[in-house]
Protein backbone atom coordinates (compact mmCIF):
# COMPACT_ATOMS: atom_id res chain seq x y z
CA MET A 1 21.97 -27.99 8.41
CA SER A 2 21.68 -29.97 11.65
CA THR A 3 18.59 -30.69 13.69
CA ARG A 4 18.42 -31.85 17.26
CA ILE A 5 15.31 -32.80 19.23
CA ASP A 6 15.54 -33.21 23.02
CA ILE A 7 12.47 -34.84 24.58
CA PRO A 8 12.48 -35.74 28.27
CA GLY A 9 10.61 -38.90 29.24
CA ASP A 10 7.51 -38.67 31.40
CA PRO A 11 7.89 -40.89 34.49
CA VAL A 12 4.14 -41.55 34.56
CA TRP A 13 3.95 -42.85 30.95
CA ARG A 14 3.51 -46.62 30.36
CA ASP A 15 4.04 -48.60 27.22
CA GLY A 16 0.50 -50.04 27.40
CA PRO A 17 -1.53 -52.71 29.22
CA ARG A 18 0.47 -55.80 30.22
CA SER A 19 -0.84 -59.12 31.49
CA PRO A 20 0.10 -59.53 35.17
CA SER A 21 2.27 -62.44 36.22
CA ALA A 22 1.05 -65.05 38.65
CA ALA A 23 3.09 -63.49 41.42
CA GLU A 24 1.35 -60.12 40.89
CA ILE A 25 -2.17 -61.56 41.28
CA PRO A 26 -3.40 -61.76 44.88
CA GLY A 27 -3.15 -65.38 45.92
CA GLY A 28 -1.71 -66.18 42.54
CA ALA A 29 1.38 -67.94 43.86
CA ARG A 30 -0.70 -70.21 46.12
CA ALA A 31 -3.09 -70.95 43.27
CA ALA A 32 -0.19 -71.89 41.06
CA GLU A 33 1.12 -74.24 43.70
CA ALA A 34 -2.33 -75.76 44.08
CA VAL A 35 -2.58 -76.31 40.38
CA SER A 36 0.86 -77.85 40.45
CA GLY A 37 -0.31 -80.25 43.09
CA LEU A 38 -3.24 -81.25 40.91
CA GLY A 39 -0.92 -82.90 38.38
CA PHE A 40 -0.08 -80.16 35.86
CA PRO A 41 3.70 -80.39 35.83
CA ASP A 42 4.14 -78.68 32.41
CA ILE A 43 5.46 -75.38 33.80
CA PRO A 44 7.51 -74.50 30.61
CA ARG A 45 4.25 -74.39 28.66
CA LEU A 46 2.82 -71.78 31.04
CA GLU A 47 5.96 -69.70 30.76
CA LEU A 48 5.76 -69.89 26.96
CA ASP A 49 2.15 -68.71 27.04
CA GLN A 50 3.06 -65.79 29.27
CA LEU A 51 5.98 -64.91 27.00
CA LEU A 52 3.71 -64.90 23.94
CA ILE A 53 1.23 -62.64 25.74
CA ASP A 54 4.01 -60.23 26.69
CA ARG A 55 5.37 -60.17 23.11
CA ALA A 56 1.89 -59.55 21.75
CA ASP A 57 1.54 -56.58 24.10
CA ASP A 58 4.87 -55.22 22.86
CA VAL A 59 3.80 -55.61 19.23
CA LEU A 60 0.56 -53.73 19.91
CA ALA A 61 2.46 -50.96 21.68
CA THR A 62 4.95 -50.69 18.79
CA GLN A 63 2.11 -50.55 16.25
CA GLY A 64 0.56 -47.73 18.24
CA ARG A 65 3.83 -45.84 18.20
CA LEU A 66 4.23 -46.35 14.44
CA ARG A 67 0.70 -45.11 13.81
CA GLY A 68 1.50 -42.09 15.95
CA LEU A 69 4.71 -41.51 13.99
CA LEU A 70 2.80 -41.60 10.71
CA ARG A 71 0.21 -39.17 12.07
CA ALA A 72 3.04 -36.88 13.20
CA ASN A 73 4.70 -36.95 9.77
CA ALA A 74 1.54 -35.90 7.93
CA PRO A 75 1.19 -32.29 9.17
CA VAL A 76 4.96 -31.74 9.05
CA ALA A 77 5.38 -32.92 5.46
CA GLY A 78 2.35 -30.97 4.27
CA GLU A 79 3.58 -27.51 5.33
CA LEU A 80 6.13 -25.24 3.59
CA SER A 81 6.36 -22.24 5.90
CA LEU A 82 9.43 -22.80 8.08
CA PRO A 83 8.09 -21.16 11.29
CA VAL A 84 4.86 -23.17 11.04
CA VAL A 85 6.82 -26.38 10.36
CA LEU A 86 8.93 -25.89 13.48
CA ARG A 87 5.94 -25.24 15.72
CA GLN A 88 4.12 -28.31 14.38
CA ILE A 89 7.21 -30.47 14.84
CA VAL A 90 7.53 -29.54 18.49
CA SER A 91 3.82 -30.01 19.15
CA VAL A 92 3.38 -33.41 17.48
CA THR A 93 6.64 -34.79 18.90
CA ARG A 94 5.61 -33.82 22.39
CA ASP A 95 2.26 -35.59 21.94
CA LEU A 96 3.85 -38.63 20.28
CA VAL A 97 6.11 -39.59 23.17
CA GLY A 98 3.85 -38.27 25.93
CA ALA A 99 6.40 -35.69 27.09
CA ARG A 100 5.73 -32.76 29.39
CA TYR A 101 7.71 -30.49 27.10
CA ALA A 102 9.77 -30.54 23.92
CA ALA A 103 12.33 -28.28 22.23
CA LEU A 104 13.80 -28.02 18.73
CA GLY A 105 16.99 -26.25 17.64
CA VAL A 106 17.88 -25.58 13.98
CA LEU A 107 21.41 -24.66 12.96
CA GLY A 108 22.00 -22.30 10.06
CA ARG A 109 24.54 -22.68 7.28
CA ASP A 110 27.10 -20.86 9.41
CA GLY A 111 26.77 -23.41 12.22
CA GLU A 112 25.06 -20.95 14.56
CA LEU A 113 21.66 -21.55 16.16
CA GLU A 114 19.13 -20.06 13.74
CA HIS A 115 15.82 -21.11 15.34
CA PHE A 116 14.87 -22.43 18.78
CA VAL A 117 11.25 -23.48 19.35
CA HIS A 118 9.88 -25.11 22.49
CA ALA A 119 6.52 -26.04 24.04
CA GLY A 120 5.36 -26.85 27.57
CA MET A 121 8.18 -25.03 29.37
CA ASP A 122 8.95 -21.55 30.59
CA GLU A 123 12.08 -19.63 29.68
CA GLU A 124 13.97 -20.94 32.72
CA LEU A 125 13.38 -24.54 31.69
CA ALA A 126 14.15 -23.90 28.01
CA ALA A 127 17.85 -24.52 28.60
CA ARG A 128 17.40 -27.65 30.75
CA MET A 129 16.64 -30.87 28.89
CA GLY A 130 15.54 -34.04 30.75
CA GLU A 131 16.29 -37.71 30.21
CA PHE A 132 14.28 -39.95 27.89
CA THR A 133 14.04 -43.65 27.23
CA ALA A 134 15.66 -45.61 24.43
CA LYS A 135 12.27 -46.14 22.76
CA ASP A 136 11.54 -42.42 22.97
CA GLU A 137 14.94 -41.76 21.46
CA GLN A 138 14.23 -44.08 18.53
CA LEU A 139 10.96 -42.26 17.82
CA ALA A 140 12.66 -38.88 18.10
CA ILE A 141 15.42 -39.97 15.70
CA ALA A 142 12.88 -41.26 13.19
CA LEU A 143 10.90 -38.04 13.42
CA ALA A 144 14.09 -35.96 13.19
CA ALA A 145 14.76 -37.44 9.75
CA ALA A 146 11.36 -36.23 8.60
CA VAL A 147 11.99 -32.92 10.35
CA GLY A 148 15.24 -32.35 8.46
CA ALA A 149 13.53 -32.98 5.13
CA ALA A 150 10.64 -30.71 6.07
CA ILE A 151 12.98 -27.89 7.12
CA ALA A 152 14.97 -28.26 3.88
CA ASN A 153 11.75 -28.09 1.86
CA ALA A 154 10.59 -25.03 3.80
CA ARG A 155 13.91 -23.29 3.21
CA GLN A 156 13.82 -24.06 -0.50
CA PHE A 157 10.28 -22.73 -0.69
CA ALA A 158 11.26 -19.54 1.18
CA GLU A 159 14.19 -19.00 -1.18
CA SER A 160 12.01 -19.55 -4.24
CA GLU A 161 9.47 -17.02 -2.92
CA GLN A 162 12.28 -14.59 -2.23
CA ARG A 163 13.68 -15.07 -5.73
CA ARG A 164 10.20 -14.45 -7.14
CA ARG A 165 9.96 -11.13 -5.23
CA TRP A 166 13.29 -9.96 -6.64
CA LEU A 167 12.29 -10.93 -10.18
CA ASP A 168 8.98 -9.09 -9.77
CA ALA A 169 10.85 -6.00 -8.54
CA SER A 170 13.20 -6.08 -11.56
CA ALA A 171 10.26 -6.58 -13.91
CA GLU A 172 8.48 -3.55 -12.43
CA LEU A 173 11.57 -1.34 -12.39
CA ALA A 174 12.89 -1.69 -15.92
CA PRO A 175 9.80 -0.48 -17.85
CA LEU A 176 9.35 2.53 -15.55
CA LEU A 177 12.95 3.63 -15.99
CA LEU A 178 13.04 3.07 -19.74
CA SER A 179 9.73 4.85 -20.32
CA GLY A 180 10.80 7.92 -18.38
CA GLU A 181 7.76 7.68 -16.11
CA ALA A 182 9.91 7.36 -12.98
CA LEU A 183 10.40 10.99 -11.91
CA GLN A 184 12.56 9.87 -8.97
CA PRO A 185 14.48 6.78 -10.17
CA HIS A 186 16.62 6.54 -7.03
CA ALA A 187 13.58 6.52 -4.78
CA LEU A 188 11.92 3.89 -6.98
CA ILE A 189 14.99 1.61 -6.85
CA THR A 190 15.27 1.91 -3.07
CA ARG A 191 11.59 1.22 -2.47
CA LEU A 192 11.43 -1.84 -4.73
CA ALA A 193 14.66 -3.30 -3.32
CA ALA A 194 13.52 -2.90 0.29
CA GLY A 195 10.22 -4.60 -0.54
CA ALA A 196 11.89 -7.52 -2.31
CA ALA A 197 14.39 -8.03 0.53
CA ASP A 198 11.73 -7.65 3.24
CA ALA A 199 14.03 -4.97 4.71
CA ASP A 200 13.10 -2.52 7.48
CA PHE A 201 15.06 0.31 5.89
CA GLY A 202 17.10 1.13 2.81
CA THR A 203 19.23 3.96 1.41
CA LEU A 204 20.81 4.81 -1.92
CA ALA A 205 23.97 6.94 -2.08
CA VAL A 206 25.73 8.40 -5.12
CA PRO A 207 29.16 10.01 -5.64
CA HIS A 208 29.23 13.66 -4.54
CA GLY A 209 32.20 15.64 -5.75
CA ALA A 210 35.60 14.01 -5.84
CA ASP A 211 35.76 12.58 -2.33
CA GLN A 212 32.26 12.21 -0.91
CA VAL A 213 29.03 10.25 -1.26
CA ILE A 214 25.58 11.62 -0.49
CA VAL A 215 22.31 9.82 0.30
CA THR A 216 19.74 10.72 -2.37
CA SER A 217 16.87 8.41 -1.38
CA VAL A 218 15.69 6.50 1.68
CA THR A 219 12.88 4.15 2.62
CA GLY A 220 11.65 3.26 6.09
CA VAL A 221 10.99 5.60 9.01
CA LEU A 222 14.31 4.81 10.68
CA ALA A 223 16.35 5.93 7.67
CA ALA A 224 14.53 9.25 7.13
CA ARG A 225 17.17 11.19 9.06
CA MET A 226 19.89 9.93 6.69
CA MET A 227 18.46 11.75 3.65
CA ASN A 228 20.99 14.18 2.07
CA GLN A 229 23.72 13.15 4.51
CA ALA A 230 27.21 13.32 3.01
CA GLU A 231 30.09 11.06 4.02
CA ALA A 232 33.69 10.61 2.98
CA LEU A 233 34.07 8.29 0.03
CA ALA A 234 37.04 6.53 1.60
CA ASP A 235 35.46 5.86 5.01
CA SER A 236 31.81 5.01 4.30
CA LEU A 237 30.18 1.68 3.51
CA ALA A 238 28.59 3.11 0.37
CA GLY A 239 31.91 4.62 -0.69
CA GLN A 240 33.63 1.25 -0.32
CA ALA A 241 31.04 -0.41 -2.58
CA ILE A 242 31.38 2.38 -5.15
CA ARG A 243 35.20 2.24 -5.13
CA THR A 244 35.50 -1.55 -5.31
CA GLY A 245 32.34 -2.40 -7.26
CA LYS A 246 31.81 -5.41 -5.00
CA PRO A 247 28.75 -6.33 -2.87
CA SER A 248 29.25 -7.17 0.80
CA LEU A 249 27.40 -8.49 3.85
CA VAL A 250 28.38 -6.08 6.61
CA THR A 251 28.78 -7.07 10.26
CA GLY A 252 30.88 -5.80 13.16
CA GLU A 253 31.95 -2.14 13.30
CA GLY A 254 30.28 -1.17 10.03
CA ARG A 255 26.92 -2.46 11.23
CA GLU A 256 27.37 -0.77 14.62
CA ALA A 257 28.02 2.60 12.96
CA VAL A 258 24.76 2.34 11.00
CA ALA A 259 22.91 1.26 14.17
CA VAL A 260 24.14 4.42 15.92
CA ALA A 261 22.99 6.58 12.98
CA LEU A 262 19.56 4.91 13.01
CA GLY A 263 19.17 4.82 16.78
CA ALA A 264 18.23 1.13 16.70
CA GLY A 265 19.99 -2.24 16.65
CA THR A 266 20.44 -3.85 13.25
CA GLY A 267 21.35 -7.25 11.89
CA PRO A 268 23.81 -7.83 9.02
CA LEU A 269 23.57 -5.16 6.30
CA ILE A 270 23.52 -5.65 2.53
CA ILE A 271 25.64 -3.19 0.53
CA VAL A 272 25.57 -3.58 -3.27
CA PRO A 273 26.95 -1.29 -6.01
CA LEU A 274 24.81 -0.05 -8.89
CA ALA A 275 27.32 -1.05 -11.54
CA ALA A 276 26.82 -1.08 -15.30
CA GLY A 277 30.03 -2.43 -16.76
CA GLU A 278 32.92 -0.52 -15.22
CA GLN A 279 30.78 2.48 -14.32
CA VAL A 280 29.36 2.51 -10.76
CA ARG A 281 26.46 4.92 -10.39
CA GLY A 282 25.87 4.49 -6.66
CA ALA A 283 25.44 2.02 -3.81
CA LEU A 284 22.31 0.50 -2.27
CA MET A 285 22.15 -0.41 1.43
CA LEU A 286 19.42 -2.64 2.93
CA GLY A 287 18.96 -3.64 6.56
CA ARG A 288 16.71 -5.30 9.10
CA LEU A 289 16.31 -4.72 12.81
CA ALA A 290 18.34 -6.95 15.11
CA VAL A 291 15.23 -8.76 16.41
CA ARG A 292 14.50 -10.17 12.94
CA PRO A 293 16.30 -12.94 11.01
CA GLY A 294 19.49 -11.60 9.45
CA PHE A 295 20.42 -11.49 5.79
CA THR A 296 22.38 -14.38 4.27
CA GLU A 297 24.76 -14.78 1.34
CA THR A 298 21.77 -15.87 -0.74
CA ASP A 299 20.06 -12.54 0.02
CA LEU A 300 23.25 -10.71 -0.94
CA GLY A 301 23.46 -12.45 -4.31
CA MET A 302 19.85 -11.63 -5.19
CA ALA A 303 20.25 -7.98 -4.15
CA ALA A 304 23.45 -7.65 -6.21
CA SER A 305 21.68 -9.05 -9.27
CA PHE A 306 18.80 -6.57 -8.84
CA ALA A 307 21.22 -3.66 -8.43
CA GLY A 308 23.02 -4.68 -11.62
CA HIS A 309 19.73 -4.77 -13.53
CA ALA A 310 18.79 -1.36 -12.11
CA ALA A 311 22.12 0.18 -13.15
CA VAL A 312 21.82 -1.18 -16.69
CA ALA A 313 18.23 0.08 -16.95
CA MET A 314 19.31 3.54 -15.74
CA GLU A 315 22.11 3.62 -18.30
CA LEU A 316 19.75 2.58 -21.10
CA ALA A 317 17.27 5.23 -19.96
CA ARG A 318 20.04 7.85 -20.06
CA VAL A 319 21.08 6.81 -23.57
CA ARG A 320 17.48 6.95 -24.73
CA ALA A 321 17.04 10.39 -23.20
CA ASP A 322 20.16 11.57 -25.05
CA GLN A 323 18.74 10.28 -28.31
CA ILE A 324 15.47 12.10 -27.73
CA THR A 325 17.37 15.26 -26.82
CA LEU A 326 19.41 15.09 -30.02
CA ALA A 327 16.24 14.56 -32.05
CA GLN A 328 14.68 17.64 -30.46
CA ALA A 329 17.78 19.82 -30.75
CA GLU A 330 16.89 21.15 -34.20
CA ASP A 331 13.39 22.17 -33.09
CA HIS A 332 14.81 23.75 -29.95
CA ASP A 333 17.27 25.81 -31.96
CA ARG A 334 14.50 27.00 -34.26
CA ILE A 335 12.21 27.93 -31.37
CA ALA A 336 15.04 29.67 -29.52
CA GLY A 337 15.91 31.65 -32.65
CA ASP A 338 12.32 32.77 -33.10
CA LEU A 339 12.07 33.82 -29.45
CA HIS A 340 15.30 35.79 -29.61
CA ASP A 341 14.87 37.34 -33.04
CA HIS A 342 11.19 38.16 -32.87
CA VAL A 343 9.52 37.87 -29.47
CA ILE A 344 12.26 39.47 -27.35
CA GLN A 345 12.89 42.23 -29.89
CA GLU A 346 9.20 43.09 -30.05
CA LEU A 347 8.85 43.06 -26.26
CA PHE A 348 11.96 45.23 -25.94
CA ALA A 349 10.55 47.70 -28.47
CA LEU A 350 7.25 47.75 -26.58
CA GLY A 351 9.06 48.50 -23.34
CA MET A 352 10.96 51.37 -24.95
CA ARG A 353 7.72 52.86 -26.30
CA LEU A 354 6.10 52.61 -22.86
CA GLN A 355 9.03 54.38 -21.24
CA GLY A 356 8.87 57.09 -23.88
CA HIS A 357 5.14 57.48 -23.26
CA ALA A 358 5.70 57.68 -19.50
CA ALA A 359 8.08 60.61 -19.97
CA ARG A 360 5.28 62.62 -21.62
CA THR A 361 2.54 61.99 -19.03
CA ASP A 362 1.75 63.11 -15.51
CA PRO A 363 3.70 61.53 -12.59
CA VAL A 364 0.91 59.18 -11.53
CA THR A 365 0.42 57.79 -15.01
CA ALA A 366 4.19 57.67 -15.55
CA GLU A 367 4.67 55.53 -12.45
CA LEU A 368 1.98 53.14 -13.64
CA VAL A 369 3.45 52.90 -17.15
CA ASN A 370 6.98 52.38 -15.83
CA GLY A 371 5.62 49.51 -13.73
CA TYR A 372 4.33 47.87 -16.90
CA ALA A 373 7.74 48.36 -18.50
CA ASP A 374 9.40 46.64 -15.55
CA ILE A 375 7.06 43.69 -15.97
CA ILE A 376 8.09 43.45 -19.60
CA ASP A 377 11.74 43.41 -18.56
CA GLU A 378 11.06 40.48 -16.23
CA ILE A 379 9.26 38.64 -19.03
CA ILE A 380 12.29 39.18 -21.28
CA LYS A 381 14.59 37.70 -18.59
CA LYS A 382 12.38 34.64 -18.27
CA ILE A 383 12.30 34.15 -22.02
CA ARG A 384 16.10 34.37 -22.13
CA THR A 385 16.24 31.68 -19.45
CA SER A 386 13.95 29.53 -21.59
CA ILE A 387 16.14 30.16 -24.63
CA PHE A 388 19.18 29.04 -22.62
CA GLY A 389 17.32 25.86 -21.66
CA LEU A 390 16.50 25.19 -25.29
CA HIS A 391 20.09 25.65 -26.41
CA HIS A 392 21.58 23.68 -23.46
CA PRO A 393 19.12 21.01 -22.34
CA ARG A 394 19.26 19.32 -18.96
CA ALA A 395 20.98 16.25 -20.31
CA ALA A 396 24.05 18.21 -21.39
CA PRO A 397 26.91 16.65 -19.45
CA GLY A 398 28.99 18.92 -17.25
CA GLY A 399 26.86 22.06 -17.74
CA LEU A 400 26.40 24.00 -14.50
CA PRO A 401 22.73 24.94 -15.15
CA ALA A 402 21.91 21.31 -15.98
CA ARG A 403 23.53 20.16 -12.74
CA VAL A 404 21.63 22.78 -10.74
CA MET A 405 18.40 21.49 -12.28
CA GLU A 406 19.32 17.94 -11.26
CA ILE A 407 19.67 19.09 -7.64
CA ILE A 408 16.28 20.78 -7.87
CA ASP A 409 14.78 17.53 -9.14
CA GLU A 410 16.39 15.58 -6.29
CA HIS A 411 14.73 17.83 -3.68
CA THR A 412 11.29 18.04 -5.29
CA ALA A 413 9.90 15.14 -3.25
CA GLN A 414 11.20 16.59 0.03
CA LEU A 415 9.96 20.10 -0.67
CA GLY A 416 6.60 18.98 -2.00
CA PHE A 417 6.98 21.26 -5.03
CA THR A 418 9.52 22.20 -7.70
CA ALA A 419 11.71 25.20 -6.98
CA GLY A 420 11.69 27.99 -9.57
CA ILE A 421 14.92 28.70 -11.45
CA ARG A 422 16.29 31.63 -13.46
CA PHE A 423 19.64 31.77 -15.30
CA ALA A 424 21.33 34.87 -16.69
CA GLY A 425 24.67 35.54 -18.33
CA PRO A 426 27.21 33.32 -20.09
CA LEU A 427 26.98 30.31 -17.75
CA TYR A 428 27.90 27.76 -20.43
CA PRO A 429 30.38 26.13 -20.26
CA GLY A 430 30.60 27.84 -16.85
CA PRO A 431 33.31 28.20 -14.19
CA ASP A 432 36.03 25.68 -13.37
CA GLU A 433 35.07 22.39 -11.70
CA ALA A 434 36.16 23.43 -8.20
CA MET A 435 33.94 26.52 -8.20
CA ALA A 436 31.07 24.61 -9.84
CA HIS A 437 31.36 22.04 -7.05
CA ASP A 438 31.04 24.83 -4.44
CA ILE A 439 28.01 26.34 -6.19
CA LEU A 440 26.26 22.97 -6.34
CA ALA A 441 27.12 22.22 -2.69
CA VAL A 442 25.65 25.56 -1.52
CA THR A 443 22.52 24.99 -3.60
CA ARG A 444 22.08 21.49 -2.18
CA GLU A 445 22.64 22.63 1.42
CA ALA A 446 20.21 25.52 1.06
CA LEU A 447 17.44 23.36 -0.43
CA SER A 448 18.00 20.67 2.22
CA ASN A 449 17.69 23.25 5.01
CA CYS A 450 14.56 24.64 3.41
CA ALA A 451 12.99 21.18 3.14
CA ARG A 452 13.81 20.26 6.74
CA HIS A 453 13.25 23.50 8.64
CA ALA A 454 11.61 26.31 6.65
CA HIS A 455 8.15 24.79 5.97
CA ALA A 456 8.06 26.88 2.80
CA THR A 457 5.56 26.59 -0.03
CA ALA A 458 7.73 28.29 -2.68
CA VAL A 459 11.46 28.59 -3.41
CA THR A 460 13.11 30.55 -6.21
CA ILE A 461 16.72 30.21 -7.35
CA SER A 462 18.64 32.71 -9.44
CA LEU A 463 22.08 32.02 -10.88
CA MET A 464 23.73 34.66 -13.04
CA LEU A 465 27.15 35.71 -14.29
CA GLU A 466 27.54 39.45 -14.75
CA ASP A 467 30.61 41.73 -14.74
CA GLY A 468 32.87 38.85 -13.77
CA LEU A 469 30.82 37.93 -10.69
CA ILE A 470 28.70 34.82 -10.21
CA THR A 471 25.71 35.45 -7.96
CA LEU A 472 23.55 32.68 -6.52
CA GLU A 473 20.35 33.83 -4.82
CA ILE A 474 17.88 31.48 -3.13
CA THR A 475 14.67 32.83 -1.61
CA ASP A 476 11.87 30.99 0.22
CA ASN A 477 8.62 32.08 1.86
CA GLY A 478 9.09 29.92 4.97
CA ARG A 479 9.24 30.83 8.63
CA GLY A 480 12.50 32.75 8.45
CA LEU A 481 15.92 32.28 9.97
CA GLY A 482 15.07 31.66 13.63
CA THR A 483 17.93 29.77 15.29
CA PRO A 484 19.90 27.90 12.59
CA ALA A 485 19.84 24.17 13.31
CA ARG A 486 23.20 23.56 11.64
CA SER A 487 25.68 26.40 12.10
CA SER A 488 28.29 24.16 10.47
CA GLY A 489 26.31 24.25 7.23
CA LEU A 490 26.21 28.05 7.21
CA SER A 491 29.90 28.23 8.05
CA SER A 492 30.66 25.92 5.15
CA MET A 493 28.73 28.18 2.75
CA ARG A 494 30.68 31.19 3.99
CA ARG A 495 34.04 29.43 3.60
CA ARG A 496 33.16 28.35 0.06
CA ALA A 497 32.35 31.95 -0.87
CA GLU A 498 35.48 33.43 0.71
CA ARG A 499 37.89 31.00 -0.93
CA ASN A 500 36.38 31.96 -4.30
CA GLY A 501 36.79 35.68 -3.67
CA GLY A 502 33.10 36.20 -2.92
CA SER A 503 30.73 36.74 -0.01
CA PHE A 504 27.84 35.09 1.79
CA GLN A 505 24.80 36.80 3.26
CA LEU A 506 21.60 35.47 4.84
CA THR A 507 18.72 37.89 5.46
CA THR A 508 14.99 37.96 6.16
CA PRO A 509 12.96 39.89 3.55
CA ALA A 510 10.22 42.28 4.64
CA THR A 511 7.64 39.80 3.38
CA GLY A 512 9.11 36.99 5.49
CA GLY A 513 11.06 33.88 4.65
CA THR A 514 14.79 33.71 3.98
CA HIS A 515 16.99 35.26 1.30
CA LEU A 516 20.44 33.76 0.64
CA THR A 517 23.01 35.62 -1.45
CA TRP A 518 26.26 33.83 -2.35
CA THR A 519 28.85 35.26 -4.73
CA ALA A 520 32.11 34.10 -6.30
CA ARG A 521 34.57 35.47 -8.87
CA PRO A 522 35.61 33.07 -11.65
CA ARG A 523 39.36 32.89 -12.20
CA PRO A 524 40.95 33.56 -15.55
CA SER A 525 41.61 30.42 -17.57
CA GLY A 526 44.72 28.57 -16.39
CA GLN A 527 44.99 30.41 -13.05
CA GLU A 528 45.48 28.11 -10.07
CA GLN A 529 43.39 28.37 -6.94
């Protein structure tokens, strides 16, 4: 760190009162000659007296300057906030040497100008520094020493406060994740990290398929448009952090690409992986606007430490959830058996009796009774879905229904409600990974479109496998198709259906809203695509 103070001298400033010489007093020279003629030949004694008077004046002036220097040091040394310290330094230095204006430049650790504070000048004069006297320079140098210490203290205080914010964020995050109270862990991590870093925006991206990353949470108004955006794993900043497992302070082209996406200038960006051991669960990006102080390597280190803590906490939470799931498995199996062996059989028998009764009654009554039987059939389907959930809980790795439920959870905050779900058919273990990836991508795209454009208050999802055909149906009660905002998204859904031997259809039901039907035919085991 280097500090430079430039203080121009004021041409009207004087060191202090000085005793005039005999030549400066009107008639003084003649009076001196007269005195000389009166028999006072000891001229060296008069010169000595004058010299002593002049030296005394200099001592008094120096004492005044020293007292001023001490007064100037007091407010500077007593403050820890760096911006306040800089303003006080400029103000007291200007007063101390009687300057018209003063300026202070502080260099950062990279050697670039980090702060520039001035007083008494307009912007045109800020770059033009005047001359100052040797005495002024000595005072400025003495004060600069105190300034350097004050700036170092302020920086240390700022770093300690920053470290405290990160520790507080970690302390708040871990209990929420481990207790299971955090319904949206990604959103919680992003919000706490942005607050600790004093960032203007933040995003969290996770791996999506084999070659993409997708943004699952954002904070800050500027980053809202980035939610659910997918990028190539190989070309994105988040993908680089996930692939390498290394944090980075991004400048240059990477920063410019983010600035274009945000529609605003940004300073250096922090990108840190959420890594627990060798497993990287995602990447966190934090940024500030270009008009604010940029992030430093110290900021990067603190953010990386927080991200590591978050990843470990998420992994511990997952392990704990698995333990709870295993502990509940026996009860789930018992409940599922009771539902299948007793409840469904009794409801099925009731439906058969109602249909038999309808056949023996008049048409009006028969229609009414058959309606009741249809309701019973729907209840049976829902119970079967519940039985499937009991046998194959959400935490089951790789299961297609569990992964669909995860996507529903991810979009709950955007939708403002939880989408309904119904499964039917032998979906476990499900289709091959390529087809499962397409099903999940279509589900994600449909829910994202609904959240952004449909203004719906309810969404239902149905996924079933019947007669060798997988059918995904998504229905909402929003404002209908209108003009699709992203034709590329619809085209992608159609291509995914066609390459899996299925079809894609988008219609508007009579009651309004949108109904999506997407089908695919699973391939026999071992058959290549």
